[in-house]
């Protein structure tokens, strides 16, 4: 793609983020979108993340399809982040929508370039296996502390981000979650039985991984 096409791709990606976010939040019946400072901070961080990965793709560190997958996952993580922050849930219907989007995109990619799609699938399998094993193990040993929604979301993350991105995203998210939990316990603002939403930390992990390029 030439510079003009890359610029159009970036502009569309940035403009669609608040639109997709508002549509899903509004019609999902959660809350009125754009009514809290946390939302504006989250959307600003997400826009910066899109800029970073667009810059990487523009320098030849990946292809347009990878950029599309990363952007779509960021859209999803932005939505899941706020819903989990508000409601402490990861909605199955939105997870299903993102799964169907991935299937459609992979099918279209396969029709455009089957060899490239099969090559991309290797990273998908690695990401999927990593998330299934790590989150599945944590779900079992946590005895219900980790929600099933977090596990299902990790599977979606694995297929979108592939092994190249998802390992770092999960690692950074877990580190941030541990630091926050230790701080809250040390200051006695929560107990070991207090449930904290995990998706916002996964969202931050994804953002950190994107910003690292």
N, C-alpha and C. Protein backbone atom coordinates (compact mmCIF):
# COMPACT_ATOMS: atom_id res chain seq x y z
N UNK A 1 0.84 -1.20 0.00
CA UNK A 1 0.00 0.00 0.00
C UNK A 1 0.88 1.26 0.00
N UNK A 2 0.44 2.31 -0.75
CA UNK A 2 1.20 3.55 -0.76
C UNK A 2 0.86 4.39 0.46
N UNK A 3 1.51 5.54 0.61
CA UNK A 3 1.35 6.38 1.79
C UNK A 3 -0.07 6.91 1.93
N UNK A 4 -0.71 7.24 0.81
CA UNK A 4 -2.08 7.76 0.86
C UNK A 4 -3.04 6.69 1.39
N UNK A 5 -2.90 5.47 0.88
CA UNK A 5 -3.76 4.37 1.32
C UNK A 5 -3.53 4.05 2.79
N UNK A 6 -2.27 4.07 3.23
CA UNK A 6 -1.97 3.83 4.64
C UNK A 6 -2.56 4.93 5.51
N UNK A 7 -2.53 6.17 5.02
CA UNK A 7 -3.11 7.28 5.77
C UNK A 7 -4.61 7.14 5.90
N UNK A 8 -5.26 6.70 4.81
CA UNK A 8 -6.72 6.48 4.85
C UNK A 8 -7.04 5.35 5.83
N UNK A 9 -6.26 4.29 5.80
CA UNK A 9 -6.47 3.15 6.69
C UNK A 9 -6.37 3.59 8.15
N UNK A 10 -5.38 4.40 8.48
CA UNK A 10 -5.21 4.89 9.84
C UNK A 10 -6.38 5.78 10.25
N UNK A 11 -6.77 6.68 9.37
CA UNK A 11 -7.87 7.61 9.67
C UNK A 11 -9.17 6.87 9.94
N UNK A 12 -9.46 5.90 9.09
CA UNK A 12 -10.69 5.11 9.27
C UNK A 12 -10.64 4.34 10.58
N UNK A 13 -9.51 3.75 10.90
CA UNK A 13 -9.36 2.97 12.13
C UNK A 13 -9.58 3.83 13.36
N UNK A 14 -9.03 5.04 13.33
CA UNK A 14 -9.18 5.96 14.47
C UNK A 14 -10.62 6.44 14.60
N UNK A 15 -11.24 6.80 13.48
CA UNK A 15 -12.60 7.32 13.53
C UNK A 15 -13.63 6.28 13.94
N UNK A 16 -13.39 5.03 13.55
CA UNK A 16 -14.37 3.99 13.83
C UNK A 16 -14.36 3.53 15.29
N UNK A 17 -13.25 3.74 16.00
CA UNK A 17 -13.17 3.27 17.39
C UNK A 17 -14.28 3.84 18.27
N UNK A 18 -14.43 5.17 18.37
CA UNK A 18 -15.51 5.69 19.23
C UNK A 18 -16.90 5.35 18.70
N UNK A 19 -17.04 5.21 17.38
CA UNK A 19 -18.34 4.87 16.81
C UNK A 19 -18.75 3.45 17.21
N UNK A 20 -17.84 2.49 16.98
CA UNK A 20 -18.13 1.10 17.34
C UNK A 20 -18.36 0.97 18.84
N UNK A 21 -17.53 1.65 19.61
CA UNK A 21 -17.67 1.62 21.07
C UNK A 21 -19.05 2.12 21.49
N UNK A 22 -19.45 3.29 20.96
CA UNK A 22 -20.73 3.89 21.35
C UNK A 22 -21.91 3.01 20.94
N UNK A 23 -21.85 2.44 19.74
CA UNK A 23 -22.94 1.60 19.25
C UNK A 23 -23.13 0.37 20.14
N UNK A 24 -22.02 -0.33 20.44
CA UNK A 24 -22.12 -1.55 21.25
C UNK A 24 -22.58 -1.24 22.68
N UNK A 25 -22.02 -0.20 23.28
CA UNK A 25 -22.39 0.16 24.65
C UNK A 25 -23.85 0.61 24.72
N UNK A 26 -24.26 1.41 23.76
CA UNK A 26 -25.64 1.94 23.78
C UNK A 26 -26.67 0.85 23.51
N UNK A 27 -26.51 0.13 22.41
CA UNK A 27 -27.51 -0.87 22.05
C UNK A 27 -27.38 -2.13 22.90
N UNK A 28 -26.26 -2.30 23.58
CA UNK A 28 -26.14 -3.41 24.52
C UNK A 28 -26.88 -3.16 25.81
N UNK A 29 -27.30 -1.91 26.01
CA UNK A 29 -28.08 -1.57 27.18
C UNK A 29 -27.27 -1.47 28.46
N UNK A 30 -25.99 -1.13 28.34
CA UNK A 30 -25.15 -1.06 29.54
C UNK A 30 -25.25 0.32 30.19
N UNK A 31 -24.69 1.32 29.58
CA UNK A 31 -24.79 2.69 30.06
C UNK A 31 -24.73 3.62 28.86
N UNK A 32 -25.05 4.88 29.08
CA UNK A 32 -24.89 5.84 28.01
C UNK A 32 -23.40 6.05 27.77
N UNK A 33 -22.96 5.93 26.53
CA UNK A 33 -21.53 6.10 26.25
C UNK A 33 -21.08 7.54 26.44
N UNK A 34 -19.80 7.71 26.69
CA UNK A 34 -19.16 9.03 26.82
C UNK A 34 -19.71 9.84 28.00
N UNK A 35 -19.97 9.15 29.11
CA UNK A 35 -20.47 9.82 30.29
C UNK A 35 -19.53 9.69 31.50
N UNK A 36 -18.30 9.31 31.26
CA UNK A 36 -17.36 9.20 32.38
C UNK A 36 -15.95 9.52 31.91
N UNK A 37 -15.15 10.02 32.84
CA UNK A 37 -13.76 10.35 32.53
C UNK A 37 -12.98 9.11 32.13
N UNK A 38 -13.29 7.97 32.76
CA UNK A 38 -12.57 6.73 32.46
C UNK A 38 -12.72 6.35 30.99
N UNK A 39 -13.90 6.59 30.42
CA UNK A 39 -14.12 6.26 29.01
C UNK A 39 -13.23 7.11 28.10
N UNK A 40 -13.16 8.39 28.38
CA UNK A 40 -12.36 9.28 27.54
C UNK A 40 -10.88 8.95 27.66
N UNK A 41 -10.42 8.61 28.86
CA UNK A 41 -9.03 8.23 29.05
C UNK A 41 -8.74 6.94 28.28
N UNK A 42 -9.64 5.96 28.40
CA UNK A 42 -9.47 4.69 27.72
C UNK A 42 -9.44 4.88 26.21
N UNK A 43 -10.36 5.67 25.66
CA UNK A 43 -10.41 5.87 24.22
C UNK A 43 -9.17 6.62 23.71
N UNK A 44 -8.69 7.57 24.50
CA UNK A 44 -7.47 8.29 24.11
C UNK A 44 -6.27 7.34 24.05
N UNK A 45 -6.15 6.48 25.06
CA UNK A 45 -5.07 5.50 25.08
C UNK A 45 -5.18 4.54 23.90
N UNK A 46 -6.40 4.13 23.58
CA UNK A 46 -6.62 3.23 22.46
C UNK A 46 -6.24 3.88 21.14
N UNK A 47 -6.58 5.16 20.98
CA UNK A 47 -6.22 5.88 19.75
C UNK A 47 -4.69 5.95 19.60
N UNK A 48 -4.00 6.20 20.70
CA UNK A 48 -2.54 6.24 20.66
C UNK A 48 -1.96 4.88 20.28
N UNK A 49 -2.61 3.82 20.77
CA UNK A 49 -2.16 2.46 20.45
C UNK A 49 -2.33 2.17 18.96
N UNK A 50 -3.44 2.64 18.38
CA UNK A 50 -3.65 2.46 16.94
C UNK A 50 -2.56 3.19 16.16
N UNK A 51 -2.22 4.39 16.60
CA UNK A 51 -1.16 5.15 15.96
C UNK A 51 0.17 4.38 16.00
N UNK A 52 0.44 3.75 17.14
CA UNK A 52 1.71 3.02 17.28
C UNK A 52 1.77 1.82 16.35
N UNK A 53 0.71 1.02 16.32
CA UNK A 53 0.78 -0.17 15.47
C UNK A 53 0.69 0.21 13.99
N UNK A 54 0.00 1.30 13.68
CA UNK A 54 -0.01 1.79 12.30
C UNK A 54 1.40 2.17 11.88
N UNK A 55 2.14 2.82 12.78
CA UNK A 55 3.51 3.19 12.47
C UNK A 55 4.38 1.98 12.21
N UNK A 56 4.16 0.91 12.98
CA UNK A 56 4.94 -0.32 12.79
C UNK A 56 4.64 -0.94 11.43
N UNK A 57 3.36 -0.97 11.07
CA UNK A 57 2.97 -1.55 9.78
C UNK A 57 3.51 -0.69 8.63
N UNK A 58 3.46 0.62 8.79
CA UNK A 58 3.94 1.52 7.74
C UNK A 58 5.44 1.34 7.50
N UNK A 59 6.17 0.91 8.54
CA UNK A 59 7.61 0.68 8.39
C UNK A 59 7.91 -0.74 7.92
N UNK A 60 6.87 -1.48 7.59
CA UNK A 60 7.06 -2.83 7.06
C UNK A 60 7.16 -3.92 8.10
N UNK A 61 6.82 -3.61 9.35
CA UNK A 61 6.87 -4.61 10.42
C UNK A 61 5.51 -5.30 10.56
N UNK A 62 5.10 -5.99 9.51
CA UNK A 62 3.81 -6.65 9.50
C UNK A 62 3.07 -6.29 8.22
N UNK A 63 1.83 -6.77 8.11
CA UNK A 63 1.03 -6.47 6.92
C UNK A 63 -0.31 -5.86 7.30
N UNK A 64 -1.07 -5.48 6.31
CA UNK A 64 -2.34 -4.80 6.54
C UNK A 64 -3.32 -5.71 7.27
N UNK A 65 -3.31 -7.00 6.96
CA UNK A 65 -4.24 -7.91 7.63
C UNK A 65 -3.93 -7.99 9.13
N UNK A 66 -2.65 -8.04 9.48
CA UNK A 66 -2.28 -8.06 10.89
C UNK A 66 -2.75 -6.78 11.57
N UNK A 67 -2.59 -5.65 10.89
CA UNK A 67 -3.06 -4.38 11.44
C UNK A 67 -4.56 -4.43 11.69
N UNK A 68 -5.32 -4.98 10.75
CA UNK A 68 -6.77 -5.09 10.90
C UNK A 68 -7.12 -5.94 12.12
N UNK A 69 -6.43 -7.07 12.30
CA UNK A 69 -6.71 -7.94 13.44
C UNK A 69 -6.39 -7.24 14.77
N UNK A 70 -5.27 -6.54 14.80
CA UNK A 70 -4.88 -5.84 16.02
C UNK A 70 -5.86 -4.72 16.36
N UNK A 71 -6.32 -4.01 15.34
CA UNK A 71 -7.28 -2.93 15.57
C UNK A 71 -8.62 -3.48 16.05
N UNK A 72 -9.10 -4.54 15.40
CA UNK A 72 -10.37 -5.13 15.82
C UNK A 72 -10.31 -5.64 17.25
N UNK A 73 -9.16 -6.24 17.63
CA UNK A 73 -9.03 -6.71 19.00
C UNK A 73 -9.00 -5.55 19.98
N UNK A 74 -8.37 -4.46 19.58
CA UNK A 74 -8.34 -3.28 20.45
C UNK A 74 -9.74 -2.69 20.60
N UNK A 75 -10.52 -2.69 19.53
CA UNK A 75 -11.92 -2.26 19.63
C UNK A 75 -12.64 -3.10 20.68
N UNK A 76 -12.47 -4.41 20.56
CA UNK A 76 -13.13 -5.32 21.48
C UNK A 76 -12.66 -5.14 22.91
N UNK A 77 -11.35 -5.02 23.10
CA UNK A 77 -10.81 -4.87 24.46
C UNK A 77 -11.28 -3.57 25.09
N UNK A 78 -11.43 -2.52 24.29
CA UNK A 78 -11.93 -1.24 24.82
C UNK A 78 -13.35 -1.41 25.34
N UNK A 79 -14.17 -2.14 24.60
CA UNK A 79 -15.56 -2.39 25.01
C UNK A 79 -15.61 -3.29 26.23
N UNK A 80 -14.89 -4.41 26.18
CA UNK A 80 -14.90 -5.35 27.30
C UNK A 80 -14.34 -4.72 28.57
N UNK A 81 -13.35 -3.85 28.41
CA UNK A 81 -12.73 -3.18 29.55
C UNK A 81 -13.77 -2.40 30.35
N UNK A 82 -14.55 -1.57 29.67
CA UNK A 82 -15.51 -0.73 30.38
C UNK A 82 -16.69 -1.54 30.92
N UNK A 83 -17.14 -2.53 30.17
CA UNK A 83 -18.26 -3.33 30.65
C UNK A 83 -17.86 -4.12 31.90
N UNK A 84 -16.67 -4.70 31.88
CA UNK A 84 -16.21 -5.44 33.06
C UNK A 84 -15.97 -4.49 34.23
N UNK A 85 -15.49 -3.30 33.96
CA UNK A 85 -15.27 -2.31 35.01
C UNK A 85 -16.59 -1.91 35.67
N UNK A 86 -17.64 -1.77 34.83
CA UNK A 86 -18.94 -1.36 35.36
C UNK A 86 -19.72 -2.52 35.96
N UNK A 87 -19.82 -3.61 35.19
CA UNK A 87 -20.76 -4.67 35.51
C UNK A 87 -20.13 -5.95 36.06
N UNK A 88 -18.79 -6.08 35.97
CA UNK A 88 -18.08 -7.30 36.40
C UNK A 88 -18.50 -8.51 35.57
N UNK A 89 -18.74 -8.28 34.27
CA UNK A 89 -19.09 -9.38 33.38
C UNK A 89 -18.37 -9.22 32.05
N UNK A 90 -18.24 -10.33 31.33
CA UNK A 90 -17.74 -10.33 29.96
C UNK A 90 -18.84 -10.94 29.11
N UNK A 91 -19.64 -10.13 28.42
CA UNK A 91 -20.86 -10.62 27.74
C UNK A 91 -20.56 -11.65 26.65
N UNK A 92 -21.26 -12.77 26.72
CA UNK A 92 -21.08 -13.83 25.73
C UNK A 92 -21.47 -13.38 24.33
N UNK A 93 -22.52 -12.56 24.23
CA UNK A 93 -23.00 -12.17 22.89
C UNK A 93 -21.97 -11.31 22.16
N UNK A 94 -21.24 -10.46 22.91
CA UNK A 94 -20.21 -9.65 22.27
C UNK A 94 -19.00 -10.51 21.94
N UNK A 95 -18.68 -11.46 22.81
CA UNK A 95 -17.61 -12.41 22.49
C UNK A 95 -17.92 -13.16 21.21
N UNK A 96 -19.18 -13.57 21.06
CA UNK A 96 -19.60 -14.31 19.86
C UNK A 96 -19.48 -13.43 18.62
N UNK A 97 -19.84 -12.16 18.74
CA UNK A 97 -19.72 -11.23 17.61
C UNK A 97 -18.27 -11.13 17.17
N UNK A 98 -17.36 -11.00 18.15
CA UNK A 98 -15.94 -10.88 17.80
C UNK A 98 -15.38 -12.18 17.23
N UNK A 99 -15.90 -13.31 17.67
CA UNK A 99 -15.51 -14.58 17.08
C UNK A 99 -15.96 -14.67 15.63
N UNK A 100 -17.20 -14.27 15.36
CA UNK A 100 -17.72 -14.30 14.00
C UNK A 100 -16.96 -13.33 13.10
N UNK A 101 -16.58 -12.16 13.64
CA UNK A 101 -15.78 -11.21 12.86
C UNK A 101 -14.44 -11.83 12.45
N UNK A 102 -13.84 -12.55 13.38
CA UNK A 102 -12.56 -13.19 13.09
C UNK A 102 -12.72 -14.24 11.99
N UNK A 103 -13.77 -15.03 12.07
CA UNK A 103 -14.02 -16.07 11.07
C UNK A 103 -14.22 -15.45 9.69
N UNK A 104 -15.00 -14.38 9.62
CA UNK A 104 -15.25 -13.70 8.35
C UNK A 104 -13.96 -13.12 7.78
N UNK A 105 -13.17 -12.47 8.65
CA UNK A 105 -11.91 -11.87 8.18
C UNK A 105 -10.93 -12.94 7.70
N UNK A 106 -10.83 -14.04 8.43
CA UNK A 106 -9.92 -15.11 8.02
C UNK A 106 -10.38 -15.74 6.72
N UNK A 107 -11.69 -15.90 6.55
CA UNK A 107 -12.21 -16.45 5.31
C UNK A 107 -11.90 -15.55 4.12
N UNK A 108 -12.09 -14.24 4.31
CA UNK A 108 -11.80 -13.29 3.24
C UNK A 108 -10.31 -13.26 2.92
N UNK A 109 -9.48 -13.36 3.98
CA UNK A 109 -8.03 -13.38 3.78
C UNK A 109 -7.60 -14.62 3.02
N UNK A 110 -8.24 -15.75 3.33
CA UNK A 110 -7.93 -16.99 2.64
C UNK A 110 -8.28 -16.93 1.17
N UNK A 111 -9.39 -16.29 0.84
CA UNK A 111 -9.78 -16.16 -0.56
C UNK A 111 -8.84 -15.21 -1.30
N UNK A 112 -8.30 -14.23 -0.59
CA UNK A 112 -7.39 -13.27 -1.22
C UNK A 112 -5.99 -13.86 -1.40
N UNK A 113 -5.49 -14.55 -0.34
CA UNK A 113 -4.15 -15.13 -0.40
C UNK A 113 -4.09 -16.32 0.56
N UNK A 114 -4.34 -17.51 0.03
CA UNK A 114 -4.42 -18.70 0.87
C UNK A 114 -3.09 -18.99 1.58
N UNK A 115 -1.99 -18.84 0.88
CA UNK A 115 -0.69 -19.13 1.49
C UNK A 115 -0.39 -18.19 2.66
N UNK A 116 -0.70 -16.92 2.48
CA UNK A 116 -0.48 -15.95 3.55
C UNK A 116 -1.39 -16.24 4.74
N UNK A 117 -2.61 -16.65 4.46
CA UNK A 117 -3.55 -16.97 5.54
C UNK A 117 -3.08 -18.18 6.33
N UNK A 118 -2.59 -19.21 5.63
CA UNK A 118 -2.09 -20.40 6.32
C UNK A 118 -0.86 -20.08 7.15
N UNK A 119 -0.03 -19.19 6.65
CA UNK A 119 1.14 -18.76 7.41
C UNK A 119 0.72 -18.02 8.68
N UNK A 120 -0.30 -17.18 8.56
CA UNK A 120 -0.83 -16.45 9.70
C UNK A 120 -1.44 -17.40 10.73
N UNK A 121 -2.02 -18.50 10.27
CA UNK A 121 -2.67 -19.45 11.16
C UNK A 121 -1.70 -20.10 12.14
N UNK A 122 -0.43 -20.18 11.77
CA UNK A 122 0.56 -20.75 12.69
C UNK A 122 0.62 -19.92 13.97
N UNK A 123 0.66 -18.59 13.83
CA UNK A 123 0.66 -17.72 14.99
C UNK A 123 -0.64 -17.78 15.76
N UNK A 124 -1.74 -17.96 15.02
CA UNK A 124 -3.05 -18.08 15.67
C UNK A 124 -3.09 -19.31 16.58
N UNK A 125 -2.61 -20.43 16.07
CA UNK A 125 -2.60 -21.67 16.86
C UNK A 125 -1.74 -21.50 18.11
N UNK A 126 -0.58 -20.87 17.97
CA UNK A 126 0.29 -20.66 19.12
C UNK A 126 -0.40 -19.77 20.16
N UNK A 127 -1.02 -18.70 19.70
CA UNK A 127 -1.73 -17.81 20.62
C UNK A 127 -2.88 -18.50 21.31
N UNK A 128 -3.63 -19.30 20.55
CA UNK A 128 -4.76 -20.02 21.11
C UNK A 128 -4.32 -21.03 22.16
N UNK A 129 -3.29 -21.80 21.85
CA UNK A 129 -2.79 -22.79 22.80
C UNK A 129 -2.28 -22.14 24.08
N UNK A 130 -1.55 -21.05 23.93
CA UNK A 130 -1.03 -20.35 25.11
C UNK A 130 -2.16 -19.90 26.02
N UNK A 131 -3.19 -19.28 25.45
CA UNK A 131 -4.30 -18.77 26.26
C UNK A 131 -5.13 -19.89 26.87
N UNK A 132 -5.38 -20.93 26.10
CA UNK A 132 -6.17 -22.05 26.63
C UNK A 132 -5.46 -22.73 27.79
N UNK A 133 -4.16 -22.94 27.65
CA UNK A 133 -3.42 -23.63 28.71
C UNK A 133 -3.23 -22.75 29.94
N UNK A 134 -2.80 -21.51 29.73
CA UNK A 134 -2.51 -20.63 30.86
C UNK A 134 -3.78 -20.22 31.60
N UNK A 135 -4.79 -19.77 30.88
CA UNK A 135 -6.02 -19.34 31.54
C UNK A 135 -6.82 -20.52 32.05
N UNK A 136 -6.79 -21.63 31.31
CA UNK A 136 -7.48 -22.83 31.79
C UNK A 136 -6.90 -23.32 33.10
N UNK A 137 -5.57 -23.32 33.19
CA UNK A 137 -4.91 -23.74 34.43
C UNK A 137 -5.24 -22.79 35.58
N UNK A 138 -5.20 -21.48 35.30
CA UNK A 138 -5.51 -20.49 36.34
C UNK A 138 -6.97 -20.60 36.80
N UNK A 139 -7.85 -20.89 35.84
CA UNK A 139 -9.27 -21.03 36.19
C UNK A 139 -9.49 -22.22 37.14
N UNK A 140 -8.77 -23.29 36.87
CA UNK A 140 -8.92 -24.49 37.70
C UNK A 140 -8.38 -24.26 39.10
N UNK A 141 -7.17 -23.70 39.20
CA UNK A 141 -6.56 -23.54 40.53
C UNK A 141 -7.15 -22.36 41.31
N UNK A 142 -7.82 -21.44 40.61
CA UNK A 142 -8.40 -20.29 41.31
C UNK A 142 -9.70 -20.65 42.03
N UNK A 143 -10.28 -21.80 41.66
CA UNK A 143 -11.52 -22.28 42.30
C UNK A 143 -12.64 -21.24 42.23
N UNK A 144 -12.80 -20.66 41.06
CA UNK A 144 -13.89 -19.73 40.85
C UNK A 144 -13.53 -18.27 40.97
N UNK A 145 -12.31 -17.96 41.45
CA UNK A 145 -11.91 -16.55 41.57
C UNK A 145 -11.79 -15.91 40.20
N UNK A 146 -11.29 -16.65 39.23
CA UNK A 146 -11.24 -16.17 37.86
C UNK A 146 -12.53 -16.54 37.15
N UNK A 147 -13.16 -15.57 36.54
CA UNK A 147 -14.43 -15.83 35.89
C UNK A 147 -14.28 -16.57 34.58
N UNK A 148 -15.32 -17.31 34.21
CA UNK A 148 -15.30 -18.04 32.94
C UNK A 148 -15.23 -17.08 31.76
N UNK A 149 -15.80 -15.87 31.95
CA UNK A 149 -15.75 -14.88 30.89
C UNK A 149 -14.32 -14.46 30.55
N UNK A 150 -13.47 -14.39 31.58
CA UNK A 150 -12.06 -14.04 31.35
C UNK A 150 -11.37 -15.11 30.50
N UNK A 151 -11.72 -16.36 30.76
CA UNK A 151 -11.12 -17.47 30.01
C UNK A 151 -11.57 -17.41 28.55
N UNK A 152 -12.85 -17.18 28.34
CA UNK A 152 -13.37 -17.11 26.97
C UNK A 152 -12.79 -15.90 26.22
N UNK A 153 -12.64 -14.79 26.93
CA UNK A 153 -12.03 -13.63 26.30
C UNK A 153 -10.59 -13.92 25.91
N UNK A 154 -9.88 -14.67 26.74
CA UNK A 154 -8.48 -14.99 26.44
C UNK A 154 -8.36 -15.78 25.14
N UNK A 155 -9.35 -16.63 24.86
CA UNK A 155 -9.34 -17.39 23.61
C UNK A 155 -9.48 -16.45 22.42
N UNK A 156 -10.37 -15.47 22.54
CA UNK A 156 -10.53 -14.48 21.47
C UNK A 156 -9.24 -13.69 21.30
N UNK A 157 -8.61 -13.32 22.40
CA UNK A 157 -7.34 -12.61 22.33
C UNK A 157 -6.29 -13.45 21.61
N UNK A 158 -6.26 -14.73 21.92
CA UNK A 158 -5.26 -15.62 21.33
C UNK A 158 -5.35 -15.70 19.82
N UNK A 159 -6.58 -15.78 19.29
CA UNK A 159 -6.73 -15.93 17.84
C UNK A 159 -6.53 -14.60 17.10
N UNK A 160 -6.84 -13.49 17.76
CA UNK A 160 -6.63 -12.19 17.12
C UNK A 160 -5.18 -11.74 17.20
N UNK A 161 -4.60 -11.85 18.38
CA UNK A 161 -3.26 -11.29 18.61
C UNK A 161 -2.15 -12.23 18.19
N UNK A 162 -2.44 -13.50 18.09
CA UNK A 162 -1.47 -14.55 17.75
C UNK A 162 -0.39 -14.64 18.84
N UNK A 163 0.47 -15.61 18.70
CA UNK A 163 1.52 -15.80 19.70
C UNK A 163 2.49 -14.65 19.79
N UNK A 164 2.61 -13.85 18.72
CA UNK A 164 3.55 -12.74 18.71
C UNK A 164 3.16 -11.63 19.68
N UNK A 165 1.87 -11.44 19.88
CA UNK A 165 1.40 -10.33 20.70
C UNK A 165 0.74 -10.77 22.01
N UNK A 166 0.07 -11.90 22.02
CA UNK A 166 -0.76 -12.23 23.17
C UNK A 166 0.04 -12.59 24.41
N UNK A 167 1.21 -13.19 24.25
CA UNK A 167 2.02 -13.57 25.41
C UNK A 167 2.41 -12.34 26.21
N UNK A 168 2.93 -11.33 25.51
CA UNK A 168 3.32 -10.10 26.19
C UNK A 168 2.12 -9.39 26.79
N UNK A 169 1.00 -9.35 26.05
CA UNK A 169 -0.20 -8.67 26.54
C UNK A 169 -0.69 -9.29 27.84
N UNK A 170 -0.76 -10.61 27.89
CA UNK A 170 -1.22 -11.31 29.10
C UNK A 170 -0.23 -11.12 30.23
N UNK A 171 1.06 -11.21 29.93
CA UNK A 171 2.09 -11.06 30.96
C UNK A 171 2.01 -9.68 31.61
N UNK A 172 1.94 -8.63 30.79
CA UNK A 172 1.87 -7.27 31.34
C UNK A 172 0.57 -7.06 32.11
N UNK A 173 -0.52 -7.63 31.61
CA UNK A 173 -1.79 -7.50 32.32
C UNK A 173 -1.75 -8.16 33.68
N UNK A 174 -1.14 -9.34 33.76
CA UNK A 174 -1.04 -10.06 35.04
C UNK A 174 -0.14 -9.31 36.02
N UNK A 175 0.95 -8.73 35.51
CA UNK A 175 1.86 -7.97 36.38
C UNK A 175 1.14 -6.76 36.96
N UNK A 176 0.42 -6.03 36.13
CA UNK A 176 -0.32 -4.86 36.61
C UNK A 176 -1.39 -5.25 37.62
N UNK A 177 -2.08 -6.36 37.35
CA UNK A 177 -3.10 -6.85 38.27
C UNK A 177 -2.50 -7.22 39.62
N UNK A 178 -1.34 -7.87 39.60
CA UNK A 178 -0.68 -8.27 40.84
C UNK A 178 -0.23 -7.05 41.64
N UNK A 179 0.35 -6.06 40.95
CA UNK A 179 0.80 -4.84 41.63
C UNK A 179 -0.38 -4.11 42.27
N UNK A 180 -1.47 -4.00 41.52
CA UNK A 180 -2.66 -3.32 42.04
C UNK A 180 -3.22 -4.07 43.25
N UNK A 181 -3.32 -5.38 43.15
CA UNK A 181 -3.87 -6.18 44.24
C UNK A 181 -3.01 -6.08 45.51
N UNK A 182 -1.69 -6.15 45.32
CA UNK A 182 -0.79 -6.04 46.48
C UNK A 182 -0.89 -4.67 47.14
N UNK A 183 -1.01 -3.64 46.33
CA UNK A 183 -1.15 -2.29 46.87
C UNK A 183 -2.45 -2.16 47.66
N UNK A 184 -3.54 -2.65 47.09
CA UNK A 184 -4.84 -2.56 47.76
C UNK A 184 -4.87 -3.37 49.05
N UNK A 185 -4.23 -4.53 49.03
CA UNK A 185 -4.15 -5.34 50.25
C UNK A 185 -3.29 -4.66 51.31
N UNK A 186 -2.18 -4.09 50.87
CA UNK A 186 -1.26 -3.43 51.82
C UNK A 186 -1.91 -2.21 52.47
N UNK A 187 -2.75 -1.52 51.71
CA UNK A 187 -3.43 -0.34 52.25
C UNK A 187 -4.79 -0.69 52.87
N UNK A 188 -5.09 -2.00 52.91
CA UNK A 188 -6.32 -2.51 53.51
C UNK A 188 -7.58 -1.91 52.89
N UNK A 189 -7.51 -1.65 51.58
CA UNK A 189 -8.68 -1.16 50.86
C UNK A 189 -9.47 -2.30 50.25
N UNK A 190 -8.93 -3.52 50.37
CA UNK A 190 -9.66 -4.70 49.96
C UNK A 190 -9.10 -5.90 50.70
N UNK A 191 -9.84 -7.00 50.66
CA UNK A 191 -9.39 -8.23 51.30
C UNK A 191 -9.10 -9.28 50.24
N UNK A 192 -8.62 -10.43 50.67
CA UNK A 192 -8.31 -11.50 49.73
C UNK A 192 -9.56 -12.02 49.03
N UNK A 193 -10.73 -11.77 49.62
CA UNK A 193 -11.98 -12.24 49.05
C UNK A 193 -12.62 -11.21 48.11
N UNK A 194 -12.04 -10.03 48.03
CA UNK A 194 -12.59 -8.99 47.17
C UNK A 194 -12.36 -9.34 45.71
N UNK A 195 -13.42 -9.23 44.92
CA UNK A 195 -13.32 -9.52 43.48
C UNK A 195 -13.02 -8.24 42.72
N UNK A 196 -11.96 -8.24 41.94
CA UNK A 196 -11.64 -7.08 41.11
C UNK A 196 -11.76 -7.49 39.64
N UNK A 197 -12.23 -6.57 38.79
CA UNK A 197 -12.34 -6.91 37.36
C UNK A 197 -10.96 -7.10 36.75
N UNK A 198 -10.79 -8.17 36.00
CA UNK A 198 -9.48 -8.50 35.43
C UNK A 198 -9.31 -7.95 34.02
N UNK A 199 -10.41 -7.77 33.30
CA UNK A 199 -10.32 -7.34 31.90
C UNK A 199 -9.63 -5.98 31.74
N UNK A 200 -9.90 -4.98 32.62
CA UNK A 200 -9.17 -3.72 32.46
C UNK A 200 -7.65 -3.90 32.49
N UNK A 201 -7.16 -4.86 33.26
CA UNK A 201 -5.72 -5.11 33.30
C UNK A 201 -5.25 -5.80 32.01
N UNK A 202 -6.10 -6.69 31.48
CA UNK A 202 -5.77 -7.30 30.19
C UNK A 202 -5.76 -6.24 29.09
N UNK A 203 -6.70 -5.32 29.17
CA UNK A 203 -6.73 -4.22 28.20
C UNK A 203 -5.44 -3.42 28.27
N UNK A 204 -5.00 -3.08 29.48
CA UNK A 204 -3.75 -2.33 29.64
C UNK A 204 -2.56 -3.15 29.14
N UNK A 205 -2.62 -4.47 29.36
CA UNK A 205 -1.55 -5.33 28.85
C UNK A 205 -1.47 -5.29 27.34
N UNK A 206 -2.62 -5.30 26.69
CA UNK A 206 -2.66 -5.20 25.22
C UNK A 206 -2.10 -3.86 24.77
N UNK A 207 -2.50 -2.79 25.44
CA UNK A 207 -2.02 -1.45 25.08
C UNK A 207 -0.50 -1.37 25.22
N UNK A 208 0.02 -1.87 26.32
CA UNK A 208 1.48 -1.83 26.53
C UNK A 208 2.19 -2.60 25.42
N UNK A 209 1.65 -3.77 25.10
CA UNK A 209 2.27 -4.58 24.03
C UNK A 209 2.23 -3.84 22.70
N UNK A 210 1.14 -3.18 22.39
CA UNK A 210 1.04 -2.42 21.16
C UNK A 210 2.06 -1.27 21.15
N UNK A 211 2.14 -0.55 22.25
CA UNK A 211 3.03 0.61 22.32
C UNK A 211 4.49 0.20 22.21
N UNK A 212 4.79 -1.03 22.56
CA UNK A 212 6.16 -1.53 22.43
C UNK A 212 6.50 -1.85 20.98
N UNK A 213 5.48 -1.94 20.13
CA UNK A 213 5.72 -2.19 18.72
C UNK A 213 5.87 -3.65 18.38
